[in-house]
Amino acid sequence: MTKADIVNEISRSTGLDKAAVLSTVEKFMEVVKDSMAHGENVYLRGFGSFIVKTRKEKTARNISKNTTLIIPAHKVPAFKPAKTFIEEVK
């Protein structure tokens, strides 16, 4: 399902204008991205959590040049679904 499919489904089921639904969906995604960029997690009860995970520093190898390099510690976004979400998908 794409963002356009989501907008169409919400618009159809609620009777709202597609432009209003699209701007709402875009703003939701912007708020989630901005919050996570500032290190804040986003919790949606019954749906799941958008969390920021920290990856440790690690050593990697470039096998074509036979060299090692250090990948520094960094943060990555992740999604953890709620238990009710998992049960519904099963």
Protein backbone atom coordinates (compact mmCIF):
# COMPACT_ATOMS: atom_id res chain seq x y z
CA MET A 1 0.00 0.00 0.00
CA THR A 2 1.37 3.40 -0.97
CA LYS A 3 0.82 6.83 0.55
CA ALA A 4 -1.63 7.62 -2.27
CA ASP A 5 -3.58 4.43 -1.45
CA ILE A 6 -3.74 5.45 2.21
CA VAL A 7 -4.98 8.93 1.31
CA ASN A 8 -7.61 7.49 -1.04
CA GLU A 9 -8.84 5.00 1.58
CA ILE A 10 -9.09 7.62 4.35
CA SER A 11 -10.80 10.07 2.00
CA ARG A 12 -13.30 7.44 0.85
CA SER A 13 -14.13 6.18 4.34
CA THR A 14 -14.40 9.60 6.04
CA GLY A 15 -15.78 11.71 3.19
CA LEU A 16 -13.01 14.27 3.62
CA ASP A 17 -11.35 16.01 0.68
CA LYS A 18 -8.26 14.18 -0.66
CA ALA A 19 -6.18 17.37 -0.45
CA ALA A 20 -6.99 17.78 3.27
CA VAL A 21 -6.21 14.13 3.98
CA LEU A 22 -2.93 14.34 2.03
CA SER A 23 -1.80 17.43 3.95
CA THR A 24 -2.69 15.71 7.25
CA VAL A 25 -0.75 12.56 6.35
CA GLU A 26 2.23 14.64 5.18
CA LYS A 27 2.20 16.67 8.41
CA PHE A 28 1.99 13.48 10.51
CA MET A 29 5.06 12.06 8.76
CA GLU A 30 6.90 15.37 9.16
CA VAL A 31 6.17 15.50 12.90
CA VAL A 32 7.35 11.90 13.36
CA LYS A 33 10.57 12.55 11.40
CA ASP A 34 11.32 15.80 13.26
CA SER A 35 10.70 14.20 16.64
CA MET A 36 12.96 11.27 15.85
CA ALA A 37 15.64 13.58 14.42
CA HIS A 38 15.72 15.29 17.83
CA GLY A 39 16.08 11.93 19.60
CA GLU A 40 12.46 11.69 20.78
CA ASN A 41 10.45 8.49 20.43
CA VAL A 42 6.84 8.59 19.18
CA TYR A 43 4.34 6.31 20.93
CA LEU A 44 0.97 5.53 19.35
CA ARG A 45 -1.06 3.39 21.78
CA GLY A 46 -2.56 0.36 20.09
CA PHE A 47 -0.43 0.84 16.97
CA GLY A 48 3.25 0.91 17.90
CA SER A 49 6.28 3.03 18.64
CA PHE A 50 8.66 4.85 16.34
CA ILE A 51 11.93 4.65 18.26
CA VAL A 52 15.51 5.77 17.79
CA LYS A 53 18.01 2.94 18.27
CA THR A 54 21.72 3.47 18.83
CA ARG A 55 24.09 1.18 16.97
CA LYS A 56 27.48 0.59 18.57
CA GLU A 57 30.79 1.30 16.87
CA LYS A 58 31.98 -1.72 14.93
CA THR A 59 34.81 -2.91 12.73
CA ALA A 60 34.06 -3.81 9.12
CA ARG A 61 36.16 -5.12 6.27
CA ASN A 62 36.47 -3.96 2.69
CA ILE A 63 37.21 -7.33 1.10
CA SER A 64 38.09 -5.90 -2.32
CA LYS A 65 40.93 -3.77 -0.84
CA ASN A 66 41.58 -6.10 2.11
CA THR A 67 41.37 -3.26 4.62
CA THR A 68 39.49 -2.76 7.86
CA LEU A 69 37.48 0.31 8.69
CA ILE A 70 35.67 1.54 11.75
CA ILE A 71 31.98 2.28 11.45
CA PRO A 72 31.24 4.86 14.16
CA ALA A 73 28.32 4.59 16.56
CA HIS A 74 25.18 5.98 14.97
CA LYS A 75 21.43 6.20 15.42
CA VAL A 76 18.81 4.51 13.24
CA PRO A 77 15.02 4.83 13.17
CA ALA A 78 12.96 1.74 13.99
CA PHE A 79 9.33 0.75 14.44
CA LYS A 80 8.12 -1.55 17.19
CA PRO A 81 4.51 -2.68 16.71
CA ALA A 82 2.12 -2.88 19.67
CA LYS A 83 1.02 -6.29 20.93
CA THR A 84 -2.53 -5.69 19.66
CA PHE A 85 -1.12 -4.79 16.24
CA ILE A 86 0.91 -8.01 16.13
CA GLU A 87 -2.07 -10.12 17.19
CA GLU A 88 -4.27 -8.57 14.49
CA VAL A 89 -1.71 -9.26 11.76
CA LYS A 90 -1.20 -12.91 12.80
